[in-house]
Each structure stands twice: as C-alpha cells, then as structure tokens.
Amino acid sequence: MAQPNSELTIRPARESDTGAIWEILEPIIRAGEVFAIPREISQEDAIASWTGNDRKTFVAIFEGQIVGTYYLRTNQAGGGSHVTNCGYATSTKARGRGVARQMCLHSLELARSSGFKAMQFNFVVSTNEVAVRLWKALGFEVVGILPGAFAHPGIGYVDALVMFQKL
C-alpha cells in the first residue's frame, strides 16, 4: 500500500460500511491491547457501539478501500457538553502510513467547526506508545494518569492516560 496523503478521503460512515469497519475493529478488539472493550464482544454489539446514535462515525478511504474509522461524540452531557471525545482505529494493513494522523486532524477540525471547546481522550492505554506519541505531537497533553486501570493481556495492569486539548 502506498503512503496515504492528499488522496486519503474521510467521509461519514454509511450502513454499507459496517463490514469494513468490523474488519478494522475485530483484530484490535480481539488483541485486547488498546481498547477497553470486552475481547469477546460480538460483531453486532461492537458495530452498534462504534456507530451509536450518540456519535458521528467516519471512515478513511485510500485507493477505494476503507483503511480507518473514527467516531466523534460529546464527552459528557450538560455542563460537560462543550468537550468532545473520539475513538480511532486503523486497518492493520495501513498502520504507520499517517491514517490516524489524518483522522485526528479531521476530527479536530470538525470539533472546532461544531462549536466544541476542547477534545478529551478518556482512556489511552499507556503502552499504546504510537498513539500516545501521535496525540502529543498533535497538541494533546496528559492531564491525568489512572494507575493500573487497564488489564493488558500480555503485560498485566498498566496505566491509562487522560489526554486533553483546548480547541
């Protein structure tokens, strides 16, 4: 696969995209190393969660193939509704090619244009070093550490990070 650049497009997910979204999510969920999602979750429940009515879900497309997906949602209701939250997933075939960076940049722009004042990632697994480096490079700061909050299947209990950026 070539390096995605301006040829990478991001659009709202459609119902017909659920199979491709599952192909991206399944290996990540089953590995159990980065999402606080039960490893045995069914395809139906995972897709329902990722594309729920409380969020806007997007797909990243390169050379006609869906290579990534993300969602954007309000982090909290009421007094916290000015802060958004996102989740991102990149196809194993497209990792290291800038897809997550492009999706995050897209989500930051969308969040700003939608009137959000900040973006918060509630639970970034500390051992997901690639993601932590990327989020820091894109302006997020670690504002909290949840000691031993994630049960990593290979390492044991590791910290989860709360990351934040004013928009």
Protein backbone atom coordinates (compact mmCIF):
# COMPACT_ATOMS: atom_id res chain seq x y z
CA MET A 1 0.00 0.00 0.00
CA ALA A 2 1.32 3.41 -0.96
CA GLN A 3 1.64 6.23 1.55
CA PRO A 4 -1.73 7.99 2.04
CA ASN A 5 -1.57 11.74 1.56
CA SER A 6 -3.99 14.09 -0.10
CA GLU A 7 -5.52 11.01 -1.75
CA LEU A 8 -6.88 9.89 1.62
CA THR A 9 -10.50 10.95 1.98
CA ILE A 10 -12.65 10.94 5.07
CA ARG A 11 -16.42 10.80 4.90
CA PRO A 12 -19.35 9.94 7.17
CA ALA A 13 -19.82 6.20 7.59
CA ARG A 14 -22.73 4.53 5.82
CA GLU A 15 -24.62 1.43 6.84
CA SER A 16 -22.92 -0.37 3.95
CA ASP A 17 -19.53 0.32 5.62
CA THR A 18 -20.19 -1.82 8.69
CA GLY A 19 -18.41 -4.89 7.26
CA ALA A 20 -15.26 -2.88 6.53
CA ILE A 21 -15.45 -1.18 9.94
CA TRP A 22 -15.67 -4.60 11.60
CA GLU A 23 -12.65 -5.83 9.61
CA ILE A 24 -10.69 -2.95 11.14
CA LEU A 25 -12.08 -3.24 14.68
CA GLU A 26 -12.09 -7.01 15.12
CA PRO A 27 -8.32 -7.68 15.27
CA ILE A 28 -7.82 -4.67 17.55
CA ILE A 29 -10.61 -5.71 19.92
CA ARG A 30 -9.60 -9.40 19.93
CA ALA A 31 -5.98 -8.49 20.75
CA GLY A 32 -7.26 -6.61 23.80
CA GLU A 33 -4.28 -4.27 23.98
CA VAL A 34 -5.69 -0.78 23.33
CA PHE A 35 -9.48 -0.59 23.77
CA ALA A 36 -11.41 -1.08 26.99
CA ILE A 37 -13.88 -3.25 25.12
CA PRO A 38 -14.55 -6.89 26.02
CA ARG A 39 -12.42 -9.08 23.75
CA GLU A 40 -15.34 -11.46 23.18
CA ILE A 41 -17.82 -8.75 22.11
CA SER A 42 -19.99 -9.75 19.18
CA GLN A 43 -19.70 -8.04 15.82
CA GLU A 44 -23.24 -6.72 16.21
CA ASP A 45 -22.56 -5.18 19.63
CA ALA A 46 -19.19 -3.73 18.58
CA ILE A 47 -20.67 -2.07 15.50
CA ALA A 48 -23.66 -0.80 17.49
CA SER A 49 -21.28 0.79 19.98
CA TRP A 50 -18.88 2.27 17.40
CA THR A 51 -21.69 3.71 15.25
CA GLY A 52 -24.19 4.53 18.00
CA ASN A 53 -26.78 7.28 17.82
CA ASP A 54 -24.78 9.39 20.31
CA ARG A 55 -21.87 9.83 17.89
CA LYS A 56 -20.87 10.66 14.35
CA THR A 57 -18.83 7.90 12.74
CA PHE A 58 -16.43 8.40 9.83
CA VAL A 59 -14.33 6.23 7.55
CA ALA A 60 -10.98 6.99 5.94
CA ILE A 61 -10.64 5.78 2.36
CA PHE A 62 -7.46 5.25 0.37
CA GLU A 63 -7.40 3.80 -3.13
CA GLY A 64 -11.04 2.79 -2.81
CA GLN A 65 -10.53 0.85 0.44
CA ILE A 66 -11.66 1.78 3.93
CA VAL A 67 -8.42 1.92 5.91
CA GLY A 68 -9.58 3.65 9.10
CA THR A 69 -12.56 4.72 11.11
CA TYR A 70 -13.27 7.11 13.92
CA TYR A 71 -16.17 8.48 15.89
CA LEU A 72 -16.76 11.88 17.46
CA ARG A 73 -19.21 12.37 20.31
CA THR A 74 -19.98 14.66 23.21
CA ASN A 75 -17.79 13.55 26.10
CA GLN A 76 -20.30 14.34 28.84
CA ALA A 77 -23.83 15.71 28.97
CA GLY A 78 -24.97 19.00 30.48
CA GLY A 79 -22.13 21.12 31.80
CA GLY A 80 -19.55 18.94 30.03
CA SER A 81 -21.17 19.03 26.61
CA HIS A 82 -18.66 21.55 25.24
CA VAL A 83 -15.96 18.85 25.31
CA THR A 84 -15.82 16.17 22.63
CA ASN A 85 -14.37 12.68 22.68
CA CYS A 86 -13.17 10.45 19.84
CA GLY A 87 -12.09 6.89 19.20
CA TYR A 88 -9.86 5.90 16.27
CA ALA A 89 -8.97 2.63 14.58
CA THR A 90 -6.66 2.00 11.63
CA SER A 91 -6.53 -1.13 9.49
CA THR A 92 -3.56 -3.36 10.26
CA LYS A 93 -2.60 -3.04 6.57
CA ALA A 94 -2.44 0.76 6.79
CA ARG A 95 -0.65 1.31 10.10
CA GLY A 96 2.31 3.64 10.08
CA ARG A 97 1.08 5.47 6.98
CA GLY A 98 -0.48 8.59 8.50
CA VAL A 99 -4.09 7.43 8.54
CA ALA A 100 -4.62 8.01 12.28
CA ARG A 101 -2.97 11.44 12.00
CA GLN A 102 -5.32 12.43 9.16
CA MET A 103 -8.36 11.15 11.05
CA CYS A 104 -7.35 13.06 14.18
CA LEU A 105 -6.75 16.25 12.20
CA HIS A 106 -10.15 15.79 10.55
CA SER A 107 -11.81 15.26 13.93
CA LEU A 108 -10.14 18.35 15.42
CA GLU A 109 -11.37 20.48 12.52
CA LEU A 110 -14.87 19.01 12.77
CA ALA A 111 -14.93 19.54 16.53
CA ARG A 112 -13.93 23.19 16.18
CA SER A 113 -16.48 23.85 13.43
CA SER A 114 -19.15 22.12 15.54
CA GLY A 115 -18.52 24.51 18.44
CA PHE A 116 -16.68 22.22 20.84
CA LYS A 117 -14.19 23.99 23.11
CA ALA A 118 -11.96 21.00 23.86
CA MET A 119 -11.26 17.38 23.00
CA GLN A 120 -10.57 14.76 25.63
CA PHE A 121 -9.41 11.18 25.33
CA ASN A 122 -10.64 9.47 28.48
CA PHE A 123 -8.67 6.23 28.42
CA VAL A 124 -5.49 6.00 26.36
CA VAL A 125 -3.62 2.83 27.29
CA SER A 126 -0.12 3.93 28.26
CA THR A 127 1.54 1.03 26.44
CA ASN A 128 -0.02 2.20 23.15
CA GLU A 129 3.13 4.25 22.62
CA VAL A 130 2.49 5.04 18.94
CA ALA A 131 -0.88 6.62 19.77
CA VAL A 132 0.45 8.49 22.81
CA ARG A 133 3.29 9.96 20.69
CA LEU A 134 0.88 10.93 17.92
CA TRP A 135 -1.65 12.58 20.22
CA LYS A 136 1.14 14.55 21.92
CA ALA A 137 2.50 15.62 18.52
CA LEU A 138 -0.98 16.87 17.62
CA GLY A 139 -1.19 19.04 20.74
CA PHE A 140 -2.74 16.79 23.39
CA GLU A 141 -1.40 16.83 26.92
CA VAL A 142 -1.57 14.11 29.54
CA VAL A 143 -3.76 15.65 32.25
CA GLY A 144 -4.31 12.53 34.29
CA ILE A 145 -2.92 9.08 34.92
CA LEU A 146 -5.15 6.23 36.04
CA PRO A 147 -2.70 3.84 37.73
CA GLY A 148 -3.16 0.21 36.71
CA ALA A 149 -6.57 0.96 35.18
CA PHE A 150 -6.17 -1.30 32.13
CA ALA A 151 -5.69 -5.06 32.24
CA HIS A 152 -3.32 -5.66 29.32
CA PRO A 153 -3.48 -9.33 28.24
CA GLY A 154 0.30 -9.66 27.85
CA ILE A 155 1.73 -7.25 30.40
CA GLY A 156 -0.78 -7.12 33.22
CA TYR A 157 -2.14 -3.96 34.78
CA VAL A 158 -0.91 -0.81 33.06
CA ASP A 159 -1.78 2.85 33.38
CA ALA A 160 -4.43 4.61 31.33
CA LEU A 161 -3.94 8.25 30.39
CA VAL A 162 -6.45 11.07 30.17
CA MET A 163 -5.36 13.36 27.33
CA PHE A 164 -6.79 16.81 26.62
CA GLN A 165 -6.55 19.66 24.15
CA LYS A 166 -8.28 23.05 24.14
CA LEU A 167 -9.71 23.87 20.73
